[in-house]
Amino acid sequence: MNKLNRRNFLKTTAVAGSGLLIARFSHAQEIITEDDGTAVAMGYAADHTTVDTAKWSKKAGPDGAKQQCTTCTLYQKIDDEYGLCPIFAGKRVHASGWCNGWVA
């Protein structure tokens, strides 16, 4: 019977962690659309310059022009065009997008 020692534990952890990363990024994730239910509720726009600031006052504030997905704390960059956001789990968002969940 194998004993679980530190070396085997670290090897197993490294392999499992690598597997999870590969699984997460290996399949193409769907791009969120503006008519998706969560997107509508959050006021998501693929282009942050098209947000209705009368409806979404957060974007109308003094720092509103700087607000877009790439400047949000929640945004996880994939490439120059898209990233991931936990608000829209399992879907990619546009780097130049915006939603009311934006956090500095």
PDB file of N, CA and C in Angstrom:
ATOM      1  N   MET A   1       0.839  -1.180   0.000  1.00  0.00           N
ATOM      2  CA  MET A   1       0.000   0.000   0.000  1.00  0.00           C
ATOM      3  C   MET A   1       0.885   1.245   0.000  1.00  0.00           C
ATOM      4  N   ASN A   2       0.554   2.203  -0.863  1.00  0.00           N
ATOM      5  CA  ASN A   2       1.319   3.444  -0.947  1.00  0.00           C
ATOM      6  C   ASN A   2       0.998   4.360   0.225  1.00  0.00           C
ATOM      7  N   LYS A   3       2.039   4.933   0.763  1.00  0.00           N
ATOM      8  CA  LYS A   3       1.842   5.938   1.799  1.00  0.00           C
ATOM      9  C   LYS A   3       1.784   7.303   1.119  1.00  0.00           C
ATOM     10  N   LEU A   4       0.907   8.114   1.604  1.00  0.00           N
ATOM     11  CA  LEU A   4       0.829   9.472   1.076  1.00  0.00           C
ATOM     12  C   LEU A   4       1.888  10.303   1.785  1.00  0.00           C
ATOM     13  N   ASN A   5       2.924  10.633   1.042  1.00  0.00           N
ATOM     14  CA  ASN A   5       3.953  11.481   1.626  1.00  0.00           C
ATOM     15  C   ASN A   5       3.919  12.850   0.938  1.00  0.00           C
ATOM     16  N   ARG A   6       4.736  13.717   1.413  1.00  0.00           N
ATOM     17  CA  ARG A   6       4.740  15.092   0.913  1.00  0.00           C
ATOM     18  C   ARG A   6       5.014  15.152  -0.590  1.00  0.00           C
ATOM     19  N   ARG A   7       5.980  14.395  -1.059  1.00  0.00           N
ATOM     20  CA  ARG A   7       6.349  14.419  -2.479  1.00  0.00           C
ATOM     21  C   ARG A   7       5.180  13.956  -3.351  1.00  0.00           C
ATOM     22  N   ASN A   8       4.551  12.853  -2.980  1.00  0.00           N
ATOM     23  CA  ASN A   8       3.413  12.351  -3.759  1.00  0.00           C
ATOM     24  C   ASN A   8       2.230  13.314  -3.703  1.00  0.00           C
ATOM     25  N   PHE A   9       2.025  13.901  -2.538  1.00  0.00           N
ATOM     26  CA  PHE A   9       0.947  14.878  -2.400  1.00  0.00           C
ATOM     27  C   PHE A   9       1.166  16.063  -3.337  1.00  0.00           C
ATOM     28  N   LEU A  10       2.366  16.606  -3.374  1.00  0.00           N
ATOM     29  CA  LEU A  10       2.674  17.747  -4.237  1.00  0.00           C
ATOM     30  C   LEU A  10       2.543  17.387  -5.713  1.00  0.00           C
ATOM     31  N   LYS A  11       2.998  16.208  -6.084  1.00  0.00           N
ATOM     32  CA  LYS A  11       2.862  15.765  -7.482  1.00  0.00           C
ATOM     33  C   LYS A  11       1.387  15.662  -7.863  1.00  0.00           C
ATOM     34  N   THR A  12       0.614  15.032  -7.005  1.00  0.00           N
ATOM     35  CA  THR A  12      -0.811  14.844  -7.278  1.00  0.00           C
ATOM     36  C   THR A  12      -1.525  16.186  -7.370  1.00  0.00           C
ATOM     37  N   THR A  13      -1.198  17.080  -6.472  1.00  0.00           N
ATOM     38  CA  THR A  13      -1.805  18.410  -6.482  1.00  0.00           C
ATOM     39  C   THR A  13      -1.455  19.173  -7.750  1.00  0.00           C
ATOM     40  N   ALA A  14      -0.209  19.095  -8.175  1.00  0.00           N
ATOM     41  CA  ALA A  14       0.224  19.793  -9.386  1.00  0.00           C
ATOM     42  C   ALA A  14      -0.497  19.246 -10.620  1.00  0.00           C
ATOM     43  N   VAL A  15      -0.609  17.943 -10.715  1.00  0.00           N
ATOM     44  CA  VAL A  15      -1.286  17.325 -11.859  1.00  0.00           C
ATOM     45  C   VAL A  15      -2.770  17.687 -11.856  1.00  0.00           C
ATOM     46  N   ALA A  16      -3.400  17.613 -10.703  1.00  0.00           N
ATOM     47  CA  ALA A  16      -4.824  17.929 -10.618  1.00  0.00           C
ATOM     48  C   ALA A  16      -5.073  19.405 -10.940  1.00  0.00           C
ATOM     49  N   GLY A  17      -4.233  20.277 -10.416  1.00  0.00           N
ATOM     50  CA  GLY A  17      -4.378  21.707 -10.690  1.00  0.00           C
ATOM     51  C   GLY A  17      -4.211  22.018 -12.165  1.00  0.00           C
ATOM     52  N   SER A  18      -3.241  21.395 -12.801  1.00  0.00           N
ATOM     53  CA  SER A  18      -3.025  21.589 -14.235  1.00  0.00           C
ATOM     54  C   SER A  18      -4.228  21.109 -15.027  1.00  0.00           C
ATOM     55  N   GLY A  19      -4.765  19.987 -14.618  1.00  0.00           N
ATOM     56  CA  GLY A  19      -5.940  19.442 -15.291  1.00  0.00           C
ATOM     57  C   GLY A  19      -7.136  20.375 -15.205  1.00  0.00           C
ATOM     58  N   LEU A  20      -7.327  20.974 -14.045  1.00  0.00           N
ATOM     59  CA  LEU A  20      -8.433  21.910 -13.887  1.00  0.00           C
ATOM     60  C   LEU A  20      -8.258  23.144 -14.764  1.00  0.00           C
ATOM     61  N   LEU A  21      -7.035  23.655 -14.846  1.00  0.00           N
ATOM     62  CA  LEU A  21      -6.785  24.821 -15.702  1.00  0.00           C
ATOM     63  C   LEU A  21      -7.022  24.491 -17.168  1.00  0.00           C
ATOM     64  N   ILE A  22      -6.553  23.349 -17.593  1.00  0.00           N
ATOM     65  CA  ILE A  22      -6.751  22.936 -18.985  1.00  0.00           C
ATOM     66  C   ILE A  22      -8.232  22.774 -19.273  1.00  0.00           C
ATOM     67  N   ALA A  23      -8.960  22.165 -18.358  1.00  0.00           N
ATOM     68  CA  ALA A  23     -10.397  21.960 -18.554  1.00  0.00           C
ATOM     69  C   ALA A  23     -11.138  23.293 -18.626  1.00  0.00           C
ATOM     70  N   ARG A  24     -10.707  24.251 -17.828  1.00  0.00           N
ATOM     71  CA  ARG A  24     -11.386  25.544 -17.800  1.00  0.00           C
ATOM     72  C   ARG A  24     -11.216  26.309 -19.102  1.00  0.00           C
ATOM     73  N   PHE A  25     -10.016  26.295 -19.659  1.00  0.00           N
ATOM     74  CA  PHE A  25      -9.737  27.117 -20.826  1.00  0.00           C
ATOM     75  C   PHE A  25      -9.710  26.353 -22.147  1.00  0.00           C
ATOM     76  N   SER A  26      -9.872  25.052 -22.115  1.00  0.00           N
ATOM     77  CA  SER A  26      -9.735  24.290 -23.348  1.00  0.00           C
ATOM     78  C   SER A  26     -10.976  24.328 -24.225  1.00  0.00           C
ATOM     79  N   HIS A  27     -12.131  24.565 -23.665  1.00  0.00           N
ATOM     80  CA  HIS A  27     -13.330  24.615 -24.491  1.00  0.00           C
ATOM     81  C   HIS A  27     -13.716  26.062 -24.764  1.00  0.00           C
ATOM     82  N   ALA A  28     -14.290  26.277 -25.902  1.00  0.00           N
ATOM     83  CA  ALA A  28     -14.698  27.633 -26.273  1.00  0.00           C
ATOM     84  C   ALA A  28     -15.925  28.015 -25.465  1.00  0.00           C
ATOM     85  N   GLN A  29     -15.853  29.144 -24.814  1.00  0.00           N
ATOM     86  CA  GLN A  29     -16.983  29.608 -24.029  1.00  0.00           C
ATOM     87  C   GLN A  29     -17.817  30.562 -24.859  1.00  0.00           C
ATOM     88  N   GLU A  30     -19.103  30.493 -24.639  1.00  0.00           N
ATOM     89  CA  GLU A  30     -20.052  31.332 -25.352  1.00  0.00           C
ATOM     90  C   GLU A  30     -19.850  32.804 -24.961  1.00  0.00           C
ATOM     91  N   ILE A  31     -20.077  33.675 -25.901  1.00  0.00           N
ATOM     92  CA  ILE A  31     -19.990  35.114 -25.645  1.00  0.00           C
ATOM     93  C   ILE A  31     -21.356  35.593 -25.171  1.00  0.00           C
ATOM     94  N   ILE A  32     -21.366  36.360 -24.088  1.00  0.00           N
ATOM     95  CA  ILE A  32     -22.622  36.876 -23.549  1.00  0.00           C
ATOM     96  C   ILE A  32     -23.253  37.825 -24.560  1.00  0.00           C
ATOM     97  N   THR A  33     -24.561  37.765 -24.689  1.00  0.00           N
ATOM     98  CA  THR A  33     -25.283  38.682 -25.574  1.00  0.00           C
ATOM     99  C   THR A  33     -26.061  39.678 -24.718  1.00  0.00           C
ATOM    100  N   GLU A  34     -26.354  40.807 -25.274  1.00  0.00           N
ATOM    101  CA  GLU A  34     -27.049  41.851 -24.534  1.00  0.00           C
ATOM    102  C   GLU A  34     -28.486  41.484 -24.201  1.00  0.00           C
ATOM    103  N   ASP A  35     -29.047  40.469 -24.892  1.00  0.00           N
ATOM    104  CA  ASP A  35     -30.420  40.057 -24.595  1.00  0.00           C
ATOM    105  C   ASP A  35     -30.489  38.857 -23.646  1.00  0.00           C
ATOM    106  N   ASP A  36     -29.347  38.391 -23.152  1.00  0.00           N
ATOM    107  CA  ASP A  36     -29.300  37.343 -22.135  1.00  0.00           C
ATOM    108  C   ASP A  36     -29.987  37.876 -20.869  1.00  0.00           C
ATOM    109  N   GLY A  37     -30.703  37.036 -20.158  1.00  0.00           N
ATOM    110  CA  GLY A  37     -31.457  37.461 -18.979  1.00  0.00           C
ATOM    111  C   GLY A  37     -30.609  38.176 -17.937  1.00  0.00           C
ATOM    112  N   THR A  38     -29.448  37.614 -17.616  1.00  0.00           N
ATOM    113  CA  THR A  38     -28.563  38.246 -16.638  1.00  0.00           C
ATOM    114  C   THR A  38     -28.010  39.551 -17.181  1.00  0.00           C
ATOM    115  N   ALA A  39     -27.688  39.570 -18.465  1.00  0.00           N
ATOM    116  CA  ALA A  39     -27.158  40.793 -19.088  1.00  0.00           C
ATOM    117  C   ALA A  39     -28.179  41.920 -19.027  1.00  0.00           C
ATOM    118  N   VAL A  40     -29.434  41.611 -19.297  1.00  0.00           N
ATOM    119  CA  VAL A  40     -30.492  42.619 -19.241  1.00  0.00           C
ATOM    120  C   VAL A  40     -30.630  43.155 -17.814  1.00  0.00           C
ATOM    121  N   ALA A  41     -30.644  42.251 -16.846  1.00  0.00           N
ATOM    122  CA  ALA A  41     -30.790  42.656 -15.448  1.00  0.00           C
ATOM    123  C   ALA A  41     -29.629  43.524 -14.963  1.00  0.00           C
ATOM    124  N   MET A  42     -28.438  43.262 -15.498  1.00  0.00           N
ATOM    125  CA  MET A  42     -27.246  44.001 -15.073  1.00  0.00           C
ATOM    126  C   MET A  42     -26.932  45.200 -15.969  1.00  0.00           C
ATOM    127  N   GLY A  43     -27.730  45.410 -17.004  1.00  0.00           N
ATOM    128  CA  GLY A  43     -27.496  46.535 -17.907  1.00  0.00           C
ATOM    129  C   GLY A  43     -26.256  46.364 -18.760  1.00  0.00           C
ATOM    130  N   TYR A  44     -25.892  45.107 -19.061  1.00  0.00           N
ATOM    131  CA  TYR A  44     -24.675  44.836 -19.838  1.00  0.00           C
ATOM    132  C   TYR A  44     -24.777  45.412 -21.242  1.00  0.00           C
ATOM    133  N   ALA A  45     -23.705  46.057 -21.661  1.00  0.00           N
ATOM    134  CA  ALA A  45     -23.556  46.538 -23.037  1.00  0.00           C
ATOM    135  C   ALA A  45     -22.185  46.085 -23.522  1.00  0.00           C
ATOM    136  N   ALA A  46     -22.116  45.541 -24.721  1.00  0.00           N
ATOM    137  CA  ALA A  46     -20.850  45.077 -25.287  1.00  0.00           C
ATOM    138  C   ALA A  46     -19.898  46.245 -25.558  1.00  0.00           C
ATOM    139  N   ASP A  47     -20.449  47.432 -25.729  1.00  0.00           N
ATOM    140  CA  ASP A  47     -19.660  48.641 -25.942  1.00  0.00           C
ATOM    141  C   ASP A  47     -20.041  49.651 -24.861  1.00  0.00           C
ATOM    142  N   HIS A  48     -19.118  49.938 -23.970  1.00  0.00           N
ATOM    143  CA  HIS A  48     -19.415  50.792 -22.817  1.00  0.00           C
ATOM    144  C   HIS A  48     -19.834  52.207 -23.198  1.00  0.00           C
ATOM    145  N   THR A  49     -19.553  52.632 -24.408  1.00  0.00           N
ATOM    146  CA  THR A  49     -19.933  53.992 -24.820  1.00  0.00           C
ATOM    147  C   THR A  49     -21.407  54.087 -25.198  1.00  0.00           C
ATOM    148  N   THR A  50     -22.089  52.955 -25.300  1.00  0.00           N
ATOM    149  CA  THR A  50     -23.504  52.957 -25.694  1.00  0.00           C
ATOM    150  C   THR A  50     -24.451  52.790 -24.509  1.00  0.00           C
ATOM    151  N   VAL A  51     -23.934  52.780 -23.291  1.00  0.00           N
ATOM    152  CA  VAL A  51     -24.770  52.584 -22.103  1.00  0.00           C
ATOM    153  C   VAL A  51     -25.715  53.769 -21.918  1.00  0.00           C
ATOM    154  N   ASP A  52     -26.968  53.478 -21.615  1.00  0.00           N
ATOM    155  CA  ASP A  52     -27.970  54.510 -21.344  1.00  0.00           C
ATOM    156  C   ASP A  52     -27.706  55.066 -19.946  1.00  0.00           C
ATOM    157  N   THR A  53     -27.019  56.208 -19.870  1.00  0.00           N
ATOM    158  CA  THR A  53     -26.641  56.781 -18.580  1.00  0.00           C
ATOM    159  C   THR A  53     -27.832  57.341 -17.815  1.00  0.00           C
ATOM    160  N   ALA A  54     -28.940  57.588 -18.496  1.00  0.00           N
ATOM    161  CA  ALA A  54     -30.152  58.024 -17.798  1.00  0.00           C
ATOM    162  C   ALA A  54     -30.717  56.862 -16.974  1.00  0.00           C
ATOM    163  N   LYS A  55     -30.565  55.670 -17.476  1.00  0.00           N
ATOM    164  CA  LYS A  55     -31.072  54.475 -16.787  1.00  0.00           C
ATOM    165  C   LYS A  55     -30.056  53.932 -15.779  1.00  0.00           C
ATOM    166  N   TRP A  56     -28.786  54.023 -16.101  1.00  0.00           N
ATOM    167  CA  TRP A  56     -27.732  53.458 -15.262  1.00  0.00           C
ATOM    168  C   TRP A  56     -26.856  54.588 -14.720  1.00  0.00           C
ATOM    169  N   SER A  57     -27.258  55.133 -13.595  1.00  0.00           N
ATOM    170  CA  SER A  57     -26.603  56.318 -13.030  1.00  0.00           C
ATOM    171  C   SER A  57     -25.153  56.073 -12.620  1.00  0.00           C
ATOM    172  N   LYS A  58     -24.804  54.834 -12.324  1.00  0.00           N
ATOM    173  CA  LYS A  58     -23.410  54.537 -11.975  1.00  0.00           C
ATOM    174  C   LYS A  58     -22.481  54.924 -13.120  1.00  0.00           C
ATOM    175  N   LYS A  59     -22.897  54.642 -14.334  1.00  0.00           N
ATOM    176  CA  LYS A  59     -22.098  54.971 -15.522  1.00  0.00           C
ATOM    177  C   LYS A  59     -22.099  56.473 -15.795  1.00  0.00           C
ATOM    178  N   ALA A  60     -23.113  57.192 -15.303  1.00  0.00           N
ATOM    179  CA  ALA A  60     -23.218  58.632 -15.521  1.00  0.00           C
ATOM    180  C   ALA A  60     -22.366  59.422 -14.541  1.00  0.00           C
ATOM    181  N   GLY A  61     -21.815  58.777 -13.531  1.00  0.00           N
ATOM    182  CA  GLY A  61     -21.030  59.458 -12.514  1.00  0.00           C
ATOM    183  C   GLY A  61     -19.740  60.047 -13.061  1.00  0.00           C
ATOM    184  N   PRO A  62     -18.980  60.714 -12.180  1.00  0.00           N
ATOM    185  CA  PRO A  62     -17.759  61.402 -12.619  1.00  0.00           C
ATOM    186  C   PRO A  62     -16.697  60.478 -13.235  1.00  0.00           C
ATOM    187  N   ASP A  63     -16.646  59.244 -12.794  1.00  0.00           N
ATOM    188  CA  ASP A  63     -15.672  58.295 -13.356  1.00  0.00           C
ATOM    189  C   ASP A  63     -16.295  57.373 -14.397  1.00  0.00           C
ATOM    190  N   GLY A  64     -17.499  57.670 -14.820  1.00  0.00           N
ATOM    191  CA  GLY A  64     -18.225  56.807 -15.751  1.00  0.00           C
ATOM    192  C   GLY A  64     -17.503  56.530 -17.048  1.00  0.00           C
ATOM    193  N   ALA A  65     -16.806  57.519 -17.569  1.00  0.00           N
ATOM    194  CA  ALA A  65     -16.102  57.347 -18.846  1.00  0.00           C
ATOM    195  C   ALA A  65     -14.980  56.307 -18.730  1.00  0.00           C
ATOM    196  N   LYS A  66     -14.453  56.115 -17.539  1.00  0.00           N
ATOM    197  CA  LYS A  66     -13.359  55.155 -17.322  1.00  0.00           C
ATOM    198  C   LYS A  66     -13.872  53.740 -17.051  1.00  0.00           C
ATOM    199  N   GLN A  67     -15.182  53.612 -16.847  1.00  0.00           N
ATOM    200  CA  GLN A  67     -15.754  52.315 -16.506  1.00  0.00           C
ATOM    201  C   GLN A  67     -15.967  51.451 -17.744  1.00  0.00           C
ATOM    202  N   GLN A  68     -15.300  50.332 -17.772  1.00  0.00           N
ATOM    203  CA  GLN A  68     -15.523  49.298 -18.779  1.00  0.00           C
ATOM    204  C   GLN A  68     -14.995  47.999 -18.188  1.00  0.00           C
ATOM    205  N   CYS A  69     -15.279  46.897 -18.821  1.00  0.00           N
ATOM    206  CA  CYS A  69     -14.911  45.597 -18.257  1.00  0.00           C
ATOM    207  C   CYS A  69     -13.426  45.505 -17.897  1.00  0.00           C
ATOM    208  N   THR A  70     -12.555  46.016 -18.737  1.00  0.00           N
ATOM    209  CA  THR A  70     -11.116  45.877 -18.471  1.00  0.00           C
ATOM    210  C   THR A  70     -10.657  46.642 -17.239  1.00  0.00           C
ATOM    211  N   THR A  71     -11.423  47.622 -16.772  1.00  0.00           N
ATOM    212  CA  THR A  71     -11.043  48.367 -15.573  1.00  0.00           C
ATOM    213  C   THR A  71     -11.797  47.877 -14.338  1.00  0.00           C
ATOM    214  N   CYS A  72     -12.573  46.827 -14.480  1.00  0.00           N
ATOM    215  CA  CYS A  72     -13.352  46.264 -13.372  1.00  0.00           C
ATOM    216  C   CYS A  72     -12.517  45.227 -12.619  1.00  0.00           C
ATOM    217  N   THR A  73     -12.645  45.222 -11.308  1.00  0.00           N
ATOM    218  CA  THR A  73     -11.925  44.267 -10.466  1.00  0.00           C
ATOM    219  C   THR A  73     -12.322  42.825 -10.762  1.00  0.00           C
ATOM    220  N   LEU A  74     -13.547  42.602 -11.166  1.00  0.00           N
ATOM    221  CA  LEU A  74     -14.046  41.246 -11.408  1.00  0.00           C
ATOM    222  C   LEU A  74     -13.557  40.643 -12.731  1.00  0.00           C
ATOM    223  N   TYR A  75     -13.111  41.475 -13.650  1.00  0.00           N
ATOM    224  CA  TYR A  75     -12.739  41.041 -15.002  1.00  0.00           C
ATOM    225  C   TYR A  75     -11.473  40.190 -14.991  1.00  0.00           C
ATOM    226  N   GLN A  76     -11.520  39.068 -15.715  1.00  0.00           N
ATOM    227  CA  GLN A  76     -10.378  38.166 -15.864  1.00  0.00           C
ATOM    228  C   GLN A  76     -10.052  38.055 -17.350  1.00  0.00           C
ATOM    229  N   LYS A  77      -8.981  38.702 -17.749  1.00  0.00           N
ATOM    230  CA  LYS A  77      -8.610  38.790 -19.163  1.00  0.00           C
ATOM    231  C   LYS A  77      -8.298  37.419 -19.761  1.00  0.00           C
ATOM    232  N   ILE A  78      -8.862  37.163 -20.952  1.00  0.00           N
ATOM    233  CA  ILE A  78      -8.519  35.975 -21.743  1.00  0.00           C
ATOM    234  C   ILE A  78      -7.562  36.402 -22.856  1.00  0.00           C
ATOM    235  N   ASP A  79      -7.970  37.426 -23.588  1.00  0.00           N
ATOM    236  CA  ASP A  79      -7.147  38.000 -24.654  1.00  0.00           C
ATOM    237  C   ASP A  79      -7.510  39.477 -24.774  1.00  0.00           C
ATOM    238  N   ASP A  80      -7.078  40.139 -25.822  1.00  0.00           N
ATOM    239  CA  ASP A  80      -7.332  41.571 -25.960  1.00  0.00           C
ATOM    240  C   ASP A  80      -8.802  41.908 -26.203  1.00  0.00           C
ATOM    241  N   GLU A  81      -9.566  40.942 -26.664  1.00  0.00           N
ATOM    242  CA  GLU A  81     -10.950  41.203 -27.031  1.00  0.00           C
ATOM    243  C   GLU A  81     -11.979  40.722 -26.002  1.00  0.00           C
ATOM    244  N   TYR A  82     -11.657  39.651 -25.275  1.00  0.00           N
ATOM    245  CA  TYR A  82     -12.621  39.049 -24.353  1.00  0.00           C
ATOM    246  C   TYR A  82     -12.000  38.690 -23.009  1.00  0.00           C
ATOM    247  N   GLY A  83     -12.885  38.524 -22.037  1.00  0.00           N
ATOM    248  CA  GLY A  83     -12.478  38.074 -20.719  1.00  0.00           C
ATOM    249  C   GLY A  83     -13.634  37.355 -20.050  1.00  0.00           C
ATOM    250  N   LEU A  84     -13.397  36.927 -18.819  1.00  0.00           N
ATOM    251  CA  LEU A  84     -14.425  36.252 -18.040  1.00  0.00           C
ATOM    252  C   LEU A  84     -14.860  37.151 -16.898  1.00  0.00           C
ATOM    253  N   CYS A  85     -16.096  36.972 -16.473  1.00  0.00           N
ATOM    254  CA  CYS A  85     -16.634  37.717 -15.336  1.00  0.00           C
ATOM    255  C   CYS A  85     -17.512  36.756 -14.544  1.00  0.00           C
ATOM    256  N   PRO A  86     -17.323  36.687 -13.223  1.00  0.00           N
ATOM    257  CA  PRO A  86     -18.133  35.768 -12.422  1.00  0.00           C
ATOM    258  C   PRO A  86     -19.627  36.111 -12.426  1.00  0.00           C
ATOM    259  N   ILE A  87     -19.982  37.327 -12.761  1.00  0.00           N
ATOM    260  CA  ILE A  87     -21.403  37.688 -12.856  1.00  0.00           C
ATOM    261  C   ILE A  87     -22.070  36.921 -13.988  1.00  0.00           C
ATOM    262  N   PHE A  88     -21.337  36.710 -15.061  1.00  0.00           N
ATOM    263  CA  PHE A  88     -21.854  35.987 -16.229  1.00  0.00           C
ATOM    264  C   PHE A  88     -21.138  34.641 -16.342  1.00  0.00           C
ATOM    265  N   ALA A  89     -21.268  33.836 -15.353  1.00  0.00           N
ATOM    266  CA  ALA A  89     -20.542  32.565 -15.237  1.00  0.00           C
ATOM    267  C   ALA A  89     -20.636  31.716 -16.507  1.00  0.00           C
ATOM    268  N   GLY A  90     -19.469  31.270 -16.962  1.00  0.00           N
ATOM    269  CA  GLY A  90     -19.407  30.394 -18.117  1.00  0.00           C
ATOM    270  C   GLY A  90     -19.502  31.094 -19.457  1.00  0.00           C
ATOM    271  N   LYS A  91     -19.539  32.415 -19.445  1.00  0.00           N
ATOM    272  CA  LYS A  91     -19.642  33.157 -20.701  1.00  0.00           C
ATOM    273  C   LYS A  91     -18.574  34.232 -20.747  1.00  0.00           C
ATOM    274  N   ARG A  92     -18.113  34.515 -21.954  1.00  0.00           N
ATOM    275  CA  ARG A  92     -17.113  35.578 -22.144  1.00  0.00           C
ATOM    276  C   ARG A  92     -17.812  36.922 -22.292  1.00  0.00           C
ATOM    277  N   VAL A  93     -17.134  37.964 -21.838  1.00  0.00           N
ATOM    278  CA  VAL A  93     -17.640  39.330 -22.003  1.00  0.00           C
ATOM    279  C   VAL A  93     -16.658  40.107 -22.865  1.00  0.00           C
ATOM    280  N   HIS A  94     -17.146  41.124 -23.525  1.00  0.00           N
ATOM    281  CA  HIS A  94     -16.282  41.984 -24.341  1.00  0.00           C
ATOM    282  C   HIS A  94     -15.409  42.840 -23.427  1.00  0.00           C
ATOM    283  N   ALA A  95     -14.166  43.000 -23.798  1.00  0.00           N
ATOM    284  CA  ALA A  95     -13.238  43.815 -23.008  1.00  0.00           C
ATOM    285  C   ALA A  95     -13.736  45.251 -22.889  1.00  0.00           C
ATOM    286  N   SER A  96     -14.387  45.745 -23.923  1.00  0.00           N
ATOM    287  CA  SER A  96     -14.881  47.125 -23.911  1.00  0.00           C
ATOM    288  C   SER A  96     -16.319  47.223 -23.412  1.00  0.00           C
ATOM    289  N   GLY A  97     -16.821  46.153 -22.815  1.00  0.00           N
ATOM    290  CA  GLY A  97     -18.194  46.142 -22.309  1.00  0.00           C
ATOM    291  C   GLY A  97     -18.337  46.848 -20.973  1.00  0.00           C
ATOM    292  N   TRP A  98     -19.578  46.845 -20.460  1.00  0.00           N
ATOM    293  CA  TRP A  98     -19.876  47.444 -19.152  1.00  0.00           C
ATOM    294  C   TRP A  98     -21.152  46.829 -18.609  1.00  0.00           C
ATOM    295  N   CYS A  99     -21.235  46.706 -17.289  1.00  0.00           N
ATOM    296  CA  CYS A  99     -22.487  46.356 -16.627  1.00  0.00           C
ATOM    297  C   CYS A  99     -22.550  47.057 -15.280  1.00  0.00           C
ATOM    298  N   ASN A 100     -23.705  47.051 -14.672  1.00  0.00           N
ATOM    299  CA  ASN A 100     -23.919  47.746 -13.418  1.00  0.00           C
ATOM    300  C   ASN A 100     -23.175  47.092 -12.241  1.00  0.00           C
ATOM    301  N   GLY A 101     -22.601  45.937 -12.462  1.00  0.00           N
ATOM    302  CA  GLY A 101     -21.793  45.279 -11.435  1.00  0.00           C
ATOM    303  C   GLY A 101     -20.358  45.774 -11.406  1.00  0.00           C
ATOM    304  N   TRP A 102     -20.032  46.769 -12.228  1.00  0.00           N
ATOM    305  CA  TRP A 102     -18.669  47.281 -12.325  1.00  0.00           C
ATOM    306  C   TRP A 102     -18.149  47.698 -10.951  1.00  0.00           C
ATOM    307  N   VAL A 103     -16.931  47.256 -10.609  1.00  0.00           N
ATOM    308  CA  VAL A 103     -16.303  47.555  -9.322  1.00  0.00           C
ATOM    309  C   VAL A 103     -14.904  48.090  -9.579  1.00  0.00           C
ATOM    310  N   ALA A 104     -14.552  49.182  -8.889  1.00  0.00           N
ATOM    311  CA  ALA A 104     -13.217  49.772  -9.034  1.00  0.00           C
ATOM    312  C   ALA A 104     -12.152  48.883  -8.442  1.00  0.00           C
TER     313      ALA A 104
END
